[in-house]
Amino acid sequence: MSEPVLSIRGLERSYVTGAGPLTVLRGIDLDVGPGEVVGLIGPSGSGKSSLLHAAGLLEHPDAGRISVLGRDCSDLGERARTRVRLASIGFVYQFHHLLPEFSALDNVALPQMIAGRSRRAARKRAEALLGELGLAARTQHQPAQMSGGEQQRVAIARALANAPRLLLADEPTGNLDPATSGTVFDALYELVRGQGVAALIATHNLELARHMDRVFALKDGRLEEQPKA
């Protein structure tokens, strides 16, 4: 594998609960390369979201190192971490969090304009991404006028709008029926693969996980690579 986009070493994370300390990550090591789709499975509370939040520089782990595109981000201040996120990382969540008053096109264009791209260029890229995701006829529709699967595909386009090198997805099809889940995942997979984005995807859907390049299960705070079916 070429140089990883995401490299994690020795990641540890614990939380304080009413029953005492709860350790969810115990010395996690993981690399994700360009164009690679890696699945993360495990029951609720196993630490999948904690791992994604640490990888996305949204939370500070208790120990360990995180590198993005070869840069060790572990000791960066919040402003520097924010710059890395804006420049290099895209996020997709279970719920799309689209702006309800904006069209699909403007939901995808807005983060580009915030990053400094002109409105014309942002809308042009938004049109291209939505077209690749099969939404060319839905660009002017607001979220309430779209199905759940269509809304989630808009969210995927938004996450990829600023051409991140790393995509982190937390249950991106968890709120969809099985048939729609497959359609959305296929669209995500093809777009990620085509653009050479490294993707780490947490999911409960074992059927979708089988289509990923590698799959890891979180068990007792440790990653166990799963054999390919």
Protein backbone atom coordinates (compact mmCIF):
# COMPACT_ATOMS: atom_id res chain seq x y z
CA MET A 1 0.00 0.00 0.00
CA SER A 2 1.20 3.51 -0.76
CA GLU A 3 1.75 6.01 2.03
CA PRO A 4 -1.40 6.04 4.18
CA VAL A 5 -3.70 9.03 4.21
CA LEU A 6 -4.65 8.20 7.81
CA SER A 7 -2.25 6.58 10.24
CA ILE A 8 -3.21 5.80 13.85
CA ARG A 9 -0.82 4.40 16.44
CA GLY A 10 -1.47 3.38 20.03
CA LEU A 11 -4.83 5.15 20.31
CA GLU A 12 -6.48 4.96 23.72
CA ARG A 13 -9.73 6.50 24.94
CA SER A 14 -11.63 6.19 28.23
CA TYR A 15 -14.70 7.88 29.67
CA VAL A 16 -15.86 8.47 33.22
CA THR A 17 -19.28 6.93 33.91
CA GLY A 18 -21.44 6.52 36.98
CA ALA A 19 -20.17 2.96 37.23
CA GLY A 20 -16.54 4.06 36.95
CA PRO A 21 -14.02 4.43 34.10
CA LEU A 22 -15.02 2.91 30.76
CA THR A 23 -12.21 2.17 28.29
CA VAL A 24 -13.42 1.92 24.68
CA LEU A 25 -10.11 2.07 22.76
CA ARG A 26 -7.02 0.13 23.82
CA GLY A 27 -3.90 0.73 21.74
CA ILE A 28 -5.54 1.01 18.32
CA ASP A 29 -3.25 0.85 15.26
CA LEU A 30 -4.71 1.47 11.81
CA ASP A 31 -3.64 2.72 8.37
CA VAL A 32 -6.01 3.69 5.55
CA GLY A 33 -4.55 4.26 2.08
CA PRO A 34 -5.66 6.35 -0.91
CA GLY A 35 -8.79 4.98 -2.58
CA GLU A 36 -9.23 2.36 0.14
CA VAL A 37 -12.59 1.77 1.82
CA VAL A 38 -12.19 0.34 5.31
CA GLY A 39 -15.16 -0.81 7.37
CA LEU A 40 -15.51 -0.57 11.13
CA ILE A 41 -18.10 -2.80 12.81
CA GLY A 42 -19.09 -3.42 16.40
CA PRO A 43 -22.08 -3.06 18.72
CA SER A 44 -23.30 0.30 20.00
CA GLY A 45 -20.95 1.59 22.68
CA SER A 46 -17.97 -0.36 21.35
CA GLY A 47 -16.04 2.81 20.46
CA LYS A 48 -16.65 3.20 16.72
CA SER A 49 -17.69 6.84 17.00
CA SER A 50 -14.87 7.56 19.44
CA LEU A 51 -12.37 6.22 16.92
CA LEU A 52 -13.87 8.28 14.10
CA HIS A 53 -13.96 11.45 16.21
CA ALA A 54 -10.31 11.01 17.14
CA ALA A 55 -9.33 10.24 13.54
CA GLY A 56 -11.19 13.36 12.40
CA LEU A 57 -9.40 15.51 14.99
CA LEU A 58 -12.70 16.30 16.67
CA GLU A 59 -11.69 14.80 20.01
CA HIS A 60 -8.39 14.34 21.83
CA PRO A 61 -7.62 10.74 22.73
CA ASP A 62 -6.03 9.89 26.06
CA ALA A 63 -2.95 8.51 24.31
CA GLY A 64 -1.66 7.69 20.84
CA ARG A 65 -0.67 9.45 17.63
CA ILE A 66 -2.77 10.43 14.61
CA SER A 67 -1.24 11.43 11.29
CA VAL A 68 -3.11 12.77 8.26
CA LEU A 69 -1.24 12.81 4.95
CA GLY A 70 2.00 12.15 6.77
CA ARG A 71 1.57 15.04 9.22
CA ASP A 72 1.43 14.17 12.91
CA CYS A 73 -1.61 16.08 14.17
CA SER A 74 -1.56 14.75 17.72
CA ASP A 75 -0.17 17.86 19.39
CA LEU A 76 -1.69 20.53 17.17
CA GLY A 77 -3.72 23.35 18.71
CA GLU A 78 -7.41 23.70 17.93
CA ARG A 79 -6.95 26.28 15.15
CA ALA A 80 -4.39 24.10 13.37
CA ARG A 81 -6.59 21.00 13.79
CA THR A 82 -9.51 22.94 12.28
CA ARG A 83 -7.38 23.87 9.27
CA VAL A 84 -6.45 20.22 8.72
CA ARG A 85 -10.12 19.21 8.92
CA LEU A 86 -11.20 21.89 6.47
CA ALA A 87 -8.44 21.07 3.99
CA SER A 88 -8.26 17.30 4.19
CA ILE A 89 -11.22 15.60 5.92
CA GLY A 90 -14.87 15.09 4.99
CA PHE A 91 -17.56 13.77 7.33
CA VAL A 92 -20.82 11.88 6.70
CA TYR A 93 -23.19 11.05 9.55
CA GLN A 94 -26.24 8.81 9.98
CA PHE A 95 -28.51 11.84 9.76
CA HIS A 96 -27.80 14.11 6.83
CA HIS A 97 -27.97 17.49 8.66
CA LEU A 98 -28.73 19.33 5.42
CA LEU A 99 -29.86 22.95 5.61
CA PRO A 100 -33.63 22.66 5.02
CA GLU A 101 -34.09 26.08 3.39
CA PHE A 102 -31.40 25.49 0.75
CA SER A 103 -31.54 23.43 -2.42
CA ALA A 104 -29.39 20.33 -2.88
CA LEU A 105 -27.10 22.38 -5.10
CA ASP A 106 -26.62 25.12 -2.53
CA ASN A 107 -26.12 22.63 0.31
CA VAL A 108 -23.15 21.27 -1.61
CA ALA A 109 -21.89 24.65 -2.82
CA LEU A 110 -21.99 26.40 0.56
CA PRO A 111 -19.02 24.64 2.24
CA GLN A 112 -16.93 25.37 -0.85
CA MET A 113 -17.78 29.07 -0.67
CA ILE A 114 -16.91 29.09 3.05
CA ALA A 115 -13.52 27.64 2.05
CA GLY A 116 -13.01 30.54 -0.40
CA ARG A 117 -14.22 29.18 -3.74
CA SER A 118 -16.27 31.52 -5.92
CA ARG A 119 -20.02 30.95 -6.08
CA ARG A 120 -19.84 30.04 -9.75
CA ALA A 121 -17.04 27.51 -9.28
CA ALA A 122 -18.72 26.07 -6.17
CA ARG A 123 -22.02 25.55 -7.96
CA LYS A 124 -20.25 23.98 -10.95
CA ARG A 125 -18.51 21.41 -8.74
CA ALA A 126 -21.74 20.83 -6.81
CA GLU A 127 -23.54 20.05 -10.07
CA ALA A 128 -20.81 17.63 -11.09
CA LEU A 129 -20.83 15.77 -7.76
CA LEU A 130 -24.61 15.54 -7.60
CA GLY A 131 -24.61 14.28 -11.18
CA GLU A 132 -22.13 11.54 -10.31
CA LEU A 133 -24.43 10.51 -7.46
CA GLY A 134 -27.43 10.26 -9.76
CA LEU A 135 -29.07 13.51 -8.60
CA ALA A 136 -28.75 15.67 -11.73
CA ALA A 137 -32.52 16.11 -11.84
CA ARG A 138 -32.78 16.98 -8.14
CA THR A 139 -30.30 19.84 -7.78
CA GLN A 140 -32.97 22.50 -7.17
CA HIS A 141 -34.99 20.43 -4.71
CA GLN A 142 -34.91 21.20 -0.99
CA PRO A 143 -34.27 18.31 1.43
CA ALA A 144 -37.97 17.96 2.34
CA GLN A 145 -38.73 17.33 -1.33
CA MET A 146 -36.30 14.42 -1.51
CA SER A 147 -36.29 10.82 -0.28
CA GLY A 148 -34.05 9.71 2.57
CA GLY A 149 -31.62 8.08 0.19
CA GLU A 150 -31.46 11.18 -1.97
CA GLN A 151 -30.83 13.37 1.07
CA GLN A 152 -27.98 11.14 2.17
CA ARG A 153 -26.42 11.25 -1.29
CA VAL A 154 -26.53 15.06 -1.08
CA ALA A 155 -24.76 14.78 2.27
CA ILE A 156 -22.08 12.61 0.64
CA ALA A 157 -21.62 15.17 -2.14
CA ARG A 158 -21.30 17.90 0.50
CA ALA A 159 -18.67 15.89 2.40
CA LEU A 160 -16.62 15.51 -0.80
CA ALA A 161 -17.21 19.05 -2.08
CA ASN A 162 -13.86 20.44 -0.92
CA ALA A 163 -11.95 17.43 -2.30
CA PRO A 164 -10.85 15.93 1.03
CA ARG A 165 -8.26 13.19 1.00
CA LEU A 166 -9.94 11.40 3.93
CA LEU A 167 -13.63 10.60 4.37
CA LEU A 168 -15.00 9.50 7.73
CA ALA A 169 -18.54 8.12 7.78
CA ASP A 170 -20.50 7.16 10.91
CA GLU A 171 -23.40 4.84 10.03
CA PRO A 172 -24.02 6.66 6.71
CA THR A 173 -26.82 4.23 5.75
CA GLY A 174 -28.08 3.49 9.26
CA ASN A 175 -31.29 5.47 8.82
CA LEU A 176 -32.23 3.88 5.47
CA ASP A 177 -34.08 0.75 4.40
CA PRO A 178 -31.94 -2.15 3.08
CA ALA A 179 -32.50 -1.49 -0.62
CA THR A 180 -31.78 2.23 -0.29
CA SER A 181 -28.76 1.47 1.89
CA GLY A 182 -27.24 -0.56 -0.91
CA THR A 183 -27.85 2.16 -3.47
CA VAL A 184 -26.33 4.87 -1.28
CA PHE A 185 -23.34 2.73 -0.37
CA ASP A 186 -22.66 1.84 -4.00
CA ALA A 187 -22.72 5.54 -4.92
CA LEU A 188 -20.39 6.39 -2.03
CA TYR A 189 -18.01 3.55 -2.88
CA GLU A 190 -17.73 4.44 -6.55
CA LEU A 191 -17.18 8.13 -5.88
CA VAL A 192 -14.58 7.51 -3.17
CA ARG A 193 -12.75 4.97 -5.30
CA GLY A 194 -12.84 7.20 -8.37
CA GLN A 195 -11.45 10.21 -6.55
CA GLY A 196 -8.78 8.27 -4.65
CA VAL A 197 -10.19 9.25 -1.26
CA ALA A 198 -9.32 7.16 1.81
CA ALA A 199 -12.53 6.18 3.61
CA LEU A 200 -13.17 4.80 7.09
CA ILE A 201 -16.82 3.80 7.48
CA ALA A 202 -18.51 2.66 10.69
CA THR A 203 -21.57 0.52 10.06
CA HIS A 204 -23.92 -2.02 11.62
CA ASN A 205 -24.71 -3.38 8.17
CA LEU A 206 -22.65 -6.53 7.80
CA GLU A 207 -23.84 -7.06 4.23
CA LEU A 208 -22.42 -3.69 3.18
CA ALA A 209 -19.25 -4.32 5.18
CA ARG A 210 -18.52 -7.40 3.06
CA HIS A 211 -18.07 -5.14 0.02
CA MET A 212 -15.36 -3.03 1.63
CA ASP A 213 -11.66 -3.56 1.04
CA ARG A 214 -10.94 -4.43 4.66
CA VAL A 215 -13.19 -4.72 7.70
CA PHE A 216 -12.25 -4.43 11.37
CA ALA A 217 -14.38 -5.31 14.37
CA LEU A 218 -13.99 -3.38 17.62
CA LYS A 219 -14.01 -5.87 20.47
CA ASP A 220 -13.09 -4.96 24.02
CA GLY A 221 -11.37 -1.83 22.77
CA ARG A 222 -9.18 -3.57 20.21
CA LEU A 223 -9.37 -3.92 16.44
CA GLU A 224 -9.66 -7.39 14.93
CA GLU A 225 -9.41 -7.62 11.14
CA GLN A 226 -12.18 -9.77 9.73
CA PRO A 227 -11.55 -12.41 7.06
CA LYS A 228 -12.98 -11.68 3.64
CA ALA A 229 -16.15 -13.64 2.91
